[in-house]
Amino acid sequence: MKSFFVAALAAMSFSVGATGLGQTKYTTMCSGCHGATAQGIVGPKLVGQTAEELIAKLNTYRNRGNVGPRSAMMWGVASQLGDGDVEVLVNHITNLKEK
């Protein structure tokens, strides 16, 4: 029983930490081109896209694939992302509200 509670607490603290990590990663890696609220600047608007769309695009960029005419701009950034990074970034973006 004790191990169940320890596991539950660890999962809860990861969730809270992952949320902050997603925001931090987004702010440092993405906001310069996509804007603070993912509304788009140089890069396209991200808010409003589904998690599945964002994951597929980030994985394509990580593999140096093309999503659109500016894909090469994303290759360097995406190559720095691990699977966990993609997860926390996508979670952060999908929780932003469209304006």
PDB file of N, CA and C in Angstrom:
ATOM      1  N   MET A   1       0.820  -1.193   0.000  1.00  0.00           N
ATOM      2  CA  MET A   1       0.000   0.000   0.000  1.00  0.00           C
ATOM      3  C   MET A   1       0.869   1.264   0.000  1.00  0.00           C
ATOM      4  N   LYS A   2       1.943   1.235   0.775  1.00  0.00           N
ATOM      5  CA  LYS A   2       2.825   2.394   0.852  1.00  0.00           C
ATOM      6  C   LYS A   2       3.425   2.718  -0.520  1.00  0.00           C
ATOM      7  N   SER A   3       3.825   1.693  -1.280  1.00  0.00           N
ATOM      8  CA  SER A   3       4.425   1.931  -2.594  1.00  0.00           C
ATOM      9  C   SER A   3       3.430   2.563  -3.565  1.00  0.00           C
ATOM     10  N   PHE A   4       2.141   2.244  -3.407  1.00  0.00           N
ATOM     11  CA  PHE A   4       1.115   2.861  -4.244  1.00  0.00           C
ATOM     12  C   PHE A   4       1.088   4.368  -4.019  1.00  0.00           C
ATOM     13  N   PHE A   5       1.114   4.786  -2.759  1.00  0.00           N
ATOM     14  CA  PHE A   5       1.065   6.213  -2.447  1.00  0.00           C
ATOM     15  C   PHE A   5       2.334   6.930  -2.893  1.00  0.00           C
ATOM     16  N   VAL A   6       3.463   6.285  -2.754  1.00  0.00           N
ATOM     17  CA  VAL A   6       4.718   6.877  -3.214  1.00  0.00           C
ATOM     18  C   VAL A   6       4.675   7.069  -4.724  1.00  0.00           C
ATOM     19  N   ALA A   7       4.182   6.054  -5.448  1.00  0.00           N
ATOM     20  CA  ALA A   7       4.068   6.155  -6.905  1.00  0.00           C
ATOM     21  C   ALA A   7       3.088   7.259  -7.296  1.00  0.00           C
ATOM     22  N   ALA A   8       1.973   7.362  -6.591  1.00  0.00           N
ATOM     23  CA  ALA A   8       0.971   8.395  -6.883  1.00  0.00           C
ATOM     24  C   ALA A   8       1.549   9.783  -6.653  1.00  0.00           C
ATOM     25  N   LEU A   9       2.280   9.961  -5.557  1.00  0.00           N
ATOM     26  CA  LEU A   9       2.901  11.264  -5.282  1.00  0.00           C
ATOM     27  C   LEU A   9       3.949  11.597  -6.332  1.00  0.00           C
ATOM     28  N   ALA A  10       4.728  10.619  -6.738  1.00  0.00           N
ATOM     29  CA  ALA A  10       5.737  10.853  -7.770  1.00  0.00           C
ATOM     30  C   ALA A  10       5.081  11.266  -9.076  1.00  0.00           C
ATOM     31  N   ALA A  11       3.984  10.616  -9.446  1.00  0.00           N
ATOM     32  CA  ALA A  11       3.270  10.964 -10.686  1.00  0.00           C
ATOM     33  C   ALA A  11       2.711  12.372 -10.601  1.00  0.00           C
ATOM     34  N   MET A  12       2.164  12.739  -9.446  1.00  0.00           N
ATOM     35  CA  MET A  12       1.605  14.081  -9.289  1.00  0.00           C
ATOM     36  C   MET A  12       2.707  15.125  -9.385  1.00  0.00           C
ATOM     37  N   SER A  13       3.842  14.886  -8.761  1.00  0.00           N
ATOM     38  CA  SER A  13       4.905  15.879  -8.816  1.00  0.00           C
ATOM     39  C   SER A  13       5.486  15.962 -10.220  1.00  0.00           C
ATOM     40  N   PHE A  14       5.527  14.836 -10.957  1.00  0.00           N
ATOM     41  CA  PHE A  14       5.978  14.882 -12.344  1.00  0.00           C
ATOM     42  C   PHE A  14       5.029  15.723 -13.178  1.00  0.00           C
ATOM     43  N   SER A  15       3.726  15.562 -12.959  1.00  0.00           N
ATOM     44  CA  SER A  15       2.749  16.322 -13.731  1.00  0.00           C
ATOM     45  C   SER A  15       2.928  17.815 -13.507  1.00  0.00           C
ATOM     46  N   VAL A  16       3.091  18.209 -12.268  1.00  0.00           N
ATOM     47  CA  VAL A  16       3.292  19.626 -11.961  1.00  0.00           C
ATOM     48  C   VAL A  16       4.609  20.095 -12.566  1.00  0.00           C
ATOM     49  N   GLY A  17       5.660  19.299 -12.399  1.00  0.00           N
ATOM     50  CA  GLY A  17       6.955  19.654 -12.968  1.00  0.00           C
ATOM     51  C   GLY A  17       6.923  19.690 -14.474  1.00  0.00           C
ATOM     52  N   ALA A  18       6.215  18.742 -15.094  1.00  0.00           N
ATOM     53  CA  ALA A  18       6.125  18.686 -16.549  1.00  0.00           C
ATOM     54  C   ALA A  18       5.414  19.912 -17.094  1.00  0.00           C
ATOM     55  N   THR A  19       4.398  20.376 -16.363  1.00  0.00           N
ATOM     56  CA  THR A  19       3.674  21.567 -16.805  1.00  0.00           C
ATOM     57  C   THR A  19       4.610  22.767 -16.838  1.00  0.00           C
ATOM     58  N   GLY A  20       5.362  22.968 -15.778  1.00  0.00           N
ATOM     59  CA  GLY A  20       6.316  24.076 -15.737  1.00  0.00           C
ATOM     60  C   GLY A  20       7.422  23.908 -16.754  1.00  0.00           C
ATOM     61  N   LEU A  21       7.862  22.672 -16.944  1.00  0.00           N
ATOM     62  CA  LEU A  21       8.913  22.389 -17.916  1.00  0.00           C
ATOM     63  C   LEU A  21       8.429  22.693 -19.329  1.00  0.00           C
ATOM     64  N   GLY A  22       7.188  22.341 -19.626  1.00  0.00           N
ATOM     65  CA  GLY A  22       6.622  22.634 -20.946  1.00  0.00           C
ATOM     66  C   GLY A  22       6.585  24.120 -21.224  1.00  0.00           C
ATOM     67  N   GLN A  23       6.177  24.890 -20.240  1.00  0.00           N
ATOM     68  CA  GLN A  23       6.134  26.346 -20.399  1.00  0.00           C
ATOM     69  C   GLN A  23       7.536  26.908 -20.570  1.00  0.00           C
ATOM     70  N   THR A  24       8.476  26.419 -19.766  1.00  0.00           N
ATOM     71  CA  THR A  24       9.864  26.894 -19.864  1.00  0.00           C
ATOM     72  C   THR A  24      10.455  26.554 -21.223  1.00  0.00           C
ATOM     73  N   LYS A  25      10.280  25.313 -21.664  1.00  0.00           N
ATOM     74  CA  LYS A  25      10.804  24.912 -22.975  1.00  0.00           C
ATOM     75  C   LYS A  25      10.159  25.724 -24.084  1.00  0.00           C
ATOM     76  N   TYR A  26       8.853  25.920 -23.997  1.00  0.00           N
ATOM     77  CA  TYR A  26       8.163  26.698 -25.027  1.00  0.00           C
ATOM     78  C   TYR A  26       8.720  28.125 -25.060  1.00  0.00           C
ATOM     79  N   THR A  27       8.841  28.733 -23.894  1.00  0.00           N
ATOM     80  CA  THR A  27       9.316  30.114 -23.824  1.00  0.00           C
ATOM     81  C   THR A  27      10.721  30.249 -24.403  1.00  0.00           C
ATOM     82  N   THR A  28      11.601  29.320 -24.068  1.00  0.00           N
ATOM     83  CA  THR A  28      12.988  29.440 -24.521  1.00  0.00           C
ATOM     84  C   THR A  28      13.207  28.961 -25.950  1.00  0.00           C
ATOM     85  N   MET A  29      12.431  27.987 -26.403  1.00  0.00           N
ATOM     86  CA  MET A  29      12.699  27.388 -27.712  1.00  0.00           C
ATOM     87  C   MET A  29      11.725  27.798 -28.817  1.00  0.00           C
ATOM     88  N   CYS A  30      10.516  28.198 -28.464  1.00  0.00           N
ATOM     89  CA  CYS A  30       9.469  28.352 -29.472  1.00  0.00           C
ATOM     90  C   CYS A  30       8.878  29.763 -29.587  1.00  0.00           C
ATOM     91  N   SER A  31       8.794  30.460 -28.456  1.00  0.00           N
ATOM     92  CA  SER A  31       8.044  31.720 -28.437  1.00  0.00           C
ATOM     93  C   SER A  31       8.629  32.804 -29.332  1.00  0.00           C
ATOM     94  N   GLY A  32       9.927  32.753 -29.591  1.00  0.00           N
ATOM     95  CA  GLY A  32      10.547  33.765 -30.450  1.00  0.00           C
ATOM     96  C   GLY A  32       9.934  33.805 -31.840  1.00  0.00           C
ATOM     97  N   CYS A  33       9.532  32.666 -32.354  1.00  0.00           N
ATOM     98  CA  CYS A  33       8.931  32.587 -33.697  1.00  0.00           C
ATOM     99  C   CYS A  33       7.419  32.382 -33.672  1.00  0.00           C
ATOM    100  N   HIS A  34       6.939  31.695 -32.637  1.00  0.00           N
ATOM    101  CA  HIS A  34       5.506  31.356 -32.604  1.00  0.00           C
ATOM    102  C   HIS A  34       4.706  32.245 -31.653  1.00  0.00           C
ATOM    103  N   GLY A  35       5.375  33.129 -30.925  1.00  0.00           N
ATOM    104  CA  GLY A  35       4.691  34.044 -30.018  1.00  0.00           C
ATOM    105  C   GLY A  35       4.475  33.454 -28.638  1.00  0.00           C
ATOM    106  N   ALA A  36       4.325  34.315 -27.653  1.00  0.00           N
ATOM    107  CA  ALA A  36       4.181  33.895 -26.262  1.00  0.00           C
ATOM    108  C   ALA A  36       2.965  33.010 -26.042  1.00  0.00           C
ATOM    109  N   THR A  37       1.920  33.231 -26.820  1.00  0.00           N
ATOM    110  CA  THR A  37       0.698  32.433 -26.673  1.00  0.00           C
ATOM    111  C   THR A  37       0.437  31.563 -27.896  1.00  0.00           C
ATOM    112  N   ALA A  38       1.470  31.285 -28.668  1.00  0.00           N
ATOM    113  CA  ALA A  38       1.411  30.386 -29.842  1.00  0.00           C
ATOM    114  C   ALA A  38       0.464  30.883 -30.927  1.00  0.00           C
ATOM    115  N   GLN A  39       0.297  32.202 -31.009  1.00  0.00           N
ATOM    116  CA  GLN A  39      -0.580  32.789 -32.026  1.00  0.00           C
ATOM    117  C   GLN A  39       0.125  32.978 -33.364  1.00  0.00           C
ATOM    118  N   GLY A  40       1.442  32.786 -33.364  1.00  0.00           N
ATOM    119  CA  GLY A  40       2.210  32.927 -34.604  1.00  0.00           C
ATOM    120  C   GLY A  40       2.834  34.298 -34.748  1.00  0.00           C
ATOM    121  N   ILE A  41       4.062  34.314 -35.230  1.00  0.00           N
ATOM    122  CA  ILE A  41       4.776  35.550 -35.577  1.00  0.00           C
ATOM    123  C   ILE A  41       5.438  35.247 -36.915  1.00  0.00           C
ATOM    124  N   VAL A  42       6.700  34.843 -36.878  1.00  0.00           N
ATOM    125  CA  VAL A  42       7.409  34.373 -38.072  1.00  0.00           C
ATOM    126  C   VAL A  42       6.939  32.955 -38.382  1.00  0.00           C
ATOM    127  N   GLY A  43       6.862  32.150 -37.322  1.00  0.00           N
ATOM    128  CA  GLY A  43       6.355  30.785 -37.451  1.00  0.00           C
ATOM    129  C   GLY A  43       4.842  30.804 -37.402  1.00  0.00           C
ATOM    130  N   PRO A  44       4.207  29.738 -37.852  1.00  0.00           N
ATOM    131  CA  PRO A  44       2.749  29.701 -37.898  1.00  0.00           C
ATOM    132  C   PRO A  44       2.110  29.599 -36.509  1.00  0.00           C
ATOM    133  N   LYS A  45       0.840  29.863 -36.487  1.00  0.00           N
ATOM    134  CA  LYS A  45       0.025  29.722 -35.285  1.00  0.00           C
ATOM    135  C   LYS A  45      -0.013  28.244 -34.894  1.00  0.00           C
ATOM    136  N   LEU A  46       0.237  27.969 -33.621  1.00  0.00           N
ATOM    137  CA  LEU A  46       0.210  26.599 -33.115  1.00  0.00           C
ATOM    138  C   LEU A  46      -1.043  26.314 -32.300  1.00  0.00           C
ATOM    139  N   VAL A  47      -1.506  27.324 -31.592  1.00  0.00           N
ATOM    140  CA  VAL A  47      -2.684  27.136 -30.754  1.00  0.00           C
ATOM    141  C   VAL A  47      -3.872  26.754 -31.637  1.00  0.00           C
ATOM    142  N   GLY A  48      -4.649  25.803 -31.151  1.00  0.00           N
ATOM    143  CA  GLY A  48      -5.795  25.328 -31.921  1.00  0.00           C
ATOM    144  C   GLY A  48      -5.519  24.036 -32.671  1.00  0.00           C
ATOM    145  N   GLN A  49      -4.236  23.677 -32.811  1.00  0.00           N
ATOM    146  CA  GLN A  49      -3.898  22.405 -33.440  1.00  0.00           C
ATOM    147  C   GLN A  49      -4.042  21.293 -32.394  1.00  0.00           C
ATOM    148  N   THR A  50      -4.371  20.102 -32.842  1.00  0.00           N
ATOM    149  CA  THR A  50      -4.515  18.983 -31.912  1.00  0.00           C
ATOM    150  C   THR A  50      -3.146  18.473 -31.482  1.00  0.00           C
ATOM    151  N   ALA A  51      -3.136  17.741 -30.398  1.00  0.00           N
ATOM    152  CA  ALA A  51      -1.899  17.126 -29.919  1.00  0.00           C
ATOM    153  C   ALA A  51      -1.321  16.206 -30.993  1.00  0.00           C
ATOM    154  N   GLU A  52      -2.176  15.459 -31.650  1.00  0.00           N
ATOM    155  CA  GLU A  52      -1.715  14.531 -32.685  1.00  0.00           C
ATOM    156  C   GLU A  52      -1.038  15.265 -33.833  1.00  0.00           C
ATOM    157  N   GLU A  53      -1.617  16.401 -34.247  1.00  0.00           N
ATOM    158  CA  GLU A  53      -1.013  17.197 -35.325  1.00  0.00           C
ATOM    159  C   GLU A  53       0.358  17.720 -34.916  1.00  0.00           C
ATOM    160  N   LEU A  54       0.440  18.265 -33.714  1.00  0.00           N
ATOM    161  CA  LEU A  54       1.693  18.842 -33.236  1.00  0.00           C
ATOM    162  C   LEU A  54       2.771  17.777 -33.073  1.00  0.00           C
ATOM    163  N   ILE A  55       2.414  16.638 -32.517  1.00  0.00           N
ATOM    164  CA  ILE A  55       3.382  15.548 -32.344  1.00  0.00           C
ATOM    165  C   ILE A  55       3.888  15.075 -33.700  1.00  0.00           C
ATOM    166  N   ALA A  56       2.977  14.878 -34.627  1.00  0.00           N
ATOM    167  CA  ALA A  56       3.374  14.413 -35.970  1.00  0.00           C
ATOM    168  C   ALA A  56       4.324  15.412 -36.631  1.00  0.00           C
ATOM    169  N   LYS A  57       4.019  16.696 -36.520  1.00  0.00           N
ATOM    170  CA  LYS A  57       4.869  17.713 -37.141  1.00  0.00           C
ATOM    171  C   LYS A  57       6.240  17.765 -36.475  1.00  0.00           C
ATOM    172  N   LEU A  58       6.260  17.764 -35.143  1.00  0.00           N
ATOM    173  CA  LEU A  58       7.550  17.811 -34.450  1.00  0.00           C
ATOM    174  C   LEU A  58       8.396  16.582 -34.765  1.00  0.00           C
ATOM    175  N   ASN A  59       7.770  15.421 -34.833  1.00  0.00           N
ATOM    176  CA  ASN A  59       8.527  14.207 -35.176  1.00  0.00           C
ATOM    177  C   ASN A  59       9.035  14.256 -36.613  1.00  0.00           C
ATOM    178  N   THR A  60       8.259  14.828 -37.505  1.00  0.00           N
ATOM    179  CA  THR A  60       8.719  14.995 -38.885  1.00  0.00           C
ATOM    180  C   THR A  60       9.926  15.921 -38.925  1.00  0.00           C
ATOM    181  N   TYR A  61       9.856  17.033 -38.216  1.00  0.00           N
ATOM    182  CA  TYR A  61      10.994  17.957 -38.152  1.00  0.00           C
ATOM    183  C   TYR A  61      12.216  17.288 -37.522  1.00  0.00           C
ATOM    184  N   ARG A  62      12.001  16.500 -36.472  1.00  0.00           N
ATOM    185  CA  ARG A  62      13.115  15.814 -35.818  1.00  0.00           C
ATOM    186  C   ARG A  62      13.841  14.887 -36.794  1.00  0.00           C
ATOM    187  N   ASN A  63      13.112  14.378 -37.764  1.00  0.00           N
ATOM    188  CA  ASN A  63      13.690  13.490 -38.783  1.00  0.00           C
ATOM    189  C   ASN A  63      14.065  14.236 -40.060  1.00  0.00           C
ATOM    190  N   ARG A  64      14.119  15.582 -39.961  1.00  0.00           N
ATOM    191  CA  ARG A  64      14.488  16.464 -41.085  1.00  0.00           C
ATOM    192  C   ARG A  64      13.540  16.316 -42.270  1.00  0.00           C
ATOM    193  N   GLY A  65      12.283  16.074 -41.953  1.00  0.00           N
ATOM    194  CA  GLY A  65      11.271  15.979 -42.999  1.00  0.00           C
ATOM    195  C   GLY A  65      10.601  17.320 -43.229  1.00  0.00           C
ATOM    196  N   ASN A  66       9.824  17.388 -44.303  1.00  0.00           N
ATOM    197  CA  ASN A  66       9.146  18.625 -44.676  1.00  0.00           C
ATOM    198  C   ASN A  66       7.677  18.598 -44.290  1.00  0.00           C
ATOM    199  N   VAL A  67       7.255  19.696 -43.660  1.00  0.00           N
ATOM    200  CA  VAL A  67       5.854  19.910 -43.315  1.00  0.00           C
ATOM    201  C   VAL A  67       5.311  21.056 -44.161  1.00  0.00           C
ATOM    202  N   GLY A  68       6.156  22.023 -44.421  1.00  0.00           N
ATOM    203  CA  GLY A  68       5.779  23.193 -45.196  1.00  0.00           C
ATOM    204  C   GLY A  68       7.032  23.837 -45.764  1.00  0.00           C
ATOM    205  N   PRO A  69       6.870  25.031 -46.369  1.00  0.00           N
ATOM    206  CA  PRO A  69       7.994  25.671 -47.051  1.00  0.00           C
ATOM    207  C   PRO A  69       9.135  26.113 -46.126  1.00  0.00           C
ATOM    208  N   ARG A  70       8.883  26.251 -44.835  1.00  0.00           N
ATOM    209  CA  ARG A  70       9.926  26.700 -43.901  1.00  0.00           C
ATOM    210  C   ARG A  70      10.394  25.582 -42.973  1.00  0.00           C
ATOM    211  N   SER A  71      10.229  24.359 -43.375  1.00  0.00           N
ATOM    212  CA  SER A  71      10.578  23.224 -42.518  1.00  0.00           C
ATOM    213  C   SER A  71      12.022  23.247 -42.050  1.00  0.00           C
ATOM    214  N   ALA A  72      12.937  23.640 -42.911  1.00  0.00           N
ATOM    215  CA  ALA A  72      14.359  23.638 -42.560  1.00  0.00           C
ATOM    216  C   ALA A  72      14.639  24.524 -41.347  1.00  0.00           C
ATOM    217  N   MET A  73      13.817  25.552 -41.133  1.00  0.00           N
ATOM    218  CA  MET A  73      13.987  26.423 -39.975  1.00  0.00           C
ATOM    219  C   MET A  73      13.753  25.655 -38.672  1.00  0.00           C
ATOM    220  N   MET A  74      12.955  24.611 -38.722  1.00  0.00           N
ATOM    221  CA  MET A  74      12.605  23.850 -37.530  1.00  0.00           C
ATOM    222  C   MET A  74      13.550  22.685 -37.248  1.00  0.00           C
ATOM    223  N   TRP A  75      14.315  22.254 -38.214  1.00  0.00           N
ATOM    224  CA  TRP A  75      15.142  21.064 -38.047  1.00  0.00           C
ATOM    225  C   TRP A  75      16.114  21.178 -36.874  1.00  0.00           C
ATOM    226  N   GLY A  76      16.801  22.290 -36.769  1.00  0.00           N
ATOM    227  CA  GLY A  76      17.773  22.469 -35.692  1.00  0.00           C
ATOM    228  C   GLY A  76      17.136  22.485 -34.320  1.00  0.00           C
ATOM    229  N   VAL A  77      16.017  23.174 -34.203  1.00  0.00           N
ATOM    230  CA  VAL A  77      15.311  23.249 -32.924  1.00  0.00           C
ATOM    231  C   VAL A  77      14.756  21.873 -32.561  1.00  0.00           C
ATOM    232  N   ALA A  78      14.069  21.246 -33.498  1.00  0.00           N
ATOM    233  CA  ALA A  78      13.429  19.961 -33.229  1.00  0.00           C
ATOM    234  C   ALA A  78      14.444  18.868 -32.935  1.00  0.00           C
ATOM    235  N   SER A  79      15.633  18.971 -33.517  1.00  0.00           N
ATOM    236  CA  SER A  79      16.647  17.939 -33.281  1.00  0.00           C
ATOM    237  C   SER A  79      17.118  17.919 -31.829  1.00  0.00           C
ATOM    238  N   GLN A  80      16.861  18.988 -31.094  1.00  0.00           N
ATOM    239  CA  GLN A  80      17.242  19.071 -29.682  1.00  0.00           C
ATOM    240  C   GLN A  80      16.206  18.439 -28.757  1.00  0.00           C
ATOM    241  N   LEU A  81      15.062  18.039 -29.307  1.00  0.00           N
ATOM    242  CA  LEU A  81      13.956  17.534 -28.501  1.00  0.00           C
ATOM    243  C   LEU A  81      13.963  16.016 -28.403  1.00  0.00           C
ATOM    244  N   GLY A  82      13.837  15.532 -27.181  1.00  0.00           N
ATOM    245  CA  GLY A  82      13.608  14.112 -26.956  1.00  0.00           C
ATOM    246  C   GLY A  82      12.110  13.852 -26.929  1.00  0.00           C
ATOM    247  N   ASP A  83      11.726  12.598 -26.803  1.00  0.00           N
ATOM    248  CA  ASP A  83      10.300  12.260 -26.757  1.00  0.00           C
ATOM    249  C   ASP A  83       9.585  12.954 -25.604  1.00  0.00           C
ATOM    250  N   GLY A  84      10.228  13.010 -24.444  1.00  0.00           N
ATOM    251  CA  GLY A  84       9.632  13.678 -23.288  1.00  0.00           C
ATOM    252  C   GLY A  84       9.459  15.168 -23.515  1.00  0.00           C
ATOM    253  N   ASP A  85      10.416  15.781 -24.210  1.00  0.00           N
ATOM    254  CA  ASP A  85      10.319  17.206 -24.528  1.00  0.00           C
ATOM    255  C   ASP A  85       9.124  17.474 -25.429  1.00  0.00           C
ATOM    256  N   VAL A  86       8.948  16.623 -26.423  1.00  0.00           N
ATOM    257  CA  VAL A  86       7.804  16.771 -27.336  1.00  0.00           C
ATOM    258  C   VAL A  86       6.508  16.683 -26.539  1.00  0.00           C
ATOM    259  N   GLU A  87       6.447  15.733 -25.635  1.00  0.00           N
ATOM    260  CA  GLU A  87       5.235  15.545 -24.834  1.00  0.00           C
ATOM    261  C   GLU A  87       4.907  16.773 -23.995  1.00  0.00           C
ATOM    262  N   VAL A  88       5.902  17.328 -23.281  1.00  0.00           N
ATOM    263  CA  VAL A  88       5.618  18.483 -22.428  1.00  0.00           C
ATOM    264  C   VAL A  88       5.331  19.732 -23.254  1.00  0.00           C
ATOM    265  N   LEU A  89       6.000  19.897 -24.389  1.00  0.00           N
ATOM    266  CA  LEU A  89       5.714  21.047 -25.258  1.00  0.00           C
ATOM    267  C   LEU A  89       4.298  20.982 -25.815  1.00  0.00           C
ATOM    268  N   VAL A  90       3.932  19.825 -26.325  1.00  0.00           N
ATOM    269  CA  VAL A  90       2.595  19.661 -26.910  1.00  0.00           C
ATOM    270  C   VAL A  90       1.529  19.850 -25.832  1.00  0.00           C
ATOM    271  N   ASN A  91       1.771  19.332 -24.646  1.00  0.00           N
ATOM    272  CA  ASN A  91       0.822  19.520 -23.557  1.00  0.00           C
ATOM    273  C   ASN A  91       0.653  21.005 -23.251  1.00  0.00           C
ATOM    274  N   HIS A  92       1.748  21.730 -23.207  1.00  0.00           N
ATOM    275  CA  HIS A  92       1.680  23.172 -22.934  1.00  0.00           C
ATOM    276  C   HIS A  92       0.908  23.901 -24.043  1.00  0.00           C
ATOM    277  N   ILE A  93       1.243  23.615 -25.280  1.00  0.00           N
ATOM    278  CA  ILE A  93       0.596  24.308 -26.410  1.00  0.00           C
ATOM    279  C   ILE A  93      -0.895  24.013 -26.461  1.00  0.00           C
ATOM    280  N   THR A  94      -1.266  22.757 -26.278  1.00  0.00           N
ATOM    281  CA  THR A  94      -2.690  22.405 -26.361  1.00  0.00           C
ATOM    282  C   THR A  94      -3.500  22.948 -25.193  1.00  0.00           C
ATOM    283  N   ASN A  95      -2.830  23.368 -24.132  1.00  0.00           N
ATOM    284  CA  ASN A  95      -3.544  23.969 -23.018  1.00  0.00           C
ATOM    285  C   ASN A  95      -3.648  25.489 -23.122  1.00  0.00           C
ATOM    286  N   LEU A  96      -3.007  26.077 -24.129  1.00  0.00           N
ATOM    287  CA  LEU A  96      -3.144  27.509 -24.355  1.00  0.00           C
ATOM    288  C   LEU A  96      -4.507  27.783 -24.995  1.00  0.00           C
ATOM    289  N   LYS A  97      -5.050  28.919 -24.722  1.00  0.00           N
ATOM    290  CA  LYS A  97      -6.375  29.270 -25.250  1.00  0.00           C
ATOM    291  C   LYS A  97      -6.221  30.127 -26.515  1.00  0.00           C
ATOM    292  N   GLU A  98      -7.039  29.832 -27.485  1.00  0.00           N
ATOM    293  CA  GLU A  98      -7.032  30.591 -28.739  1.00  0.00           C
ATOM    294  C   GLU A  98      -7.706  31.926 -28.497  1.00  0.00           C
ATOM    295  N   LYS A  99      -7.086  32.988 -29.055  1.00  0.00           N
ATOM    296  CA  LYS A  99      -7.654  34.340 -28.868  1.00  0.00           C
ATOM    297  C   LYS A  99      -8.319  34.799 -30.135  1.00  0.00           C
TER     298      LYS A  99
END
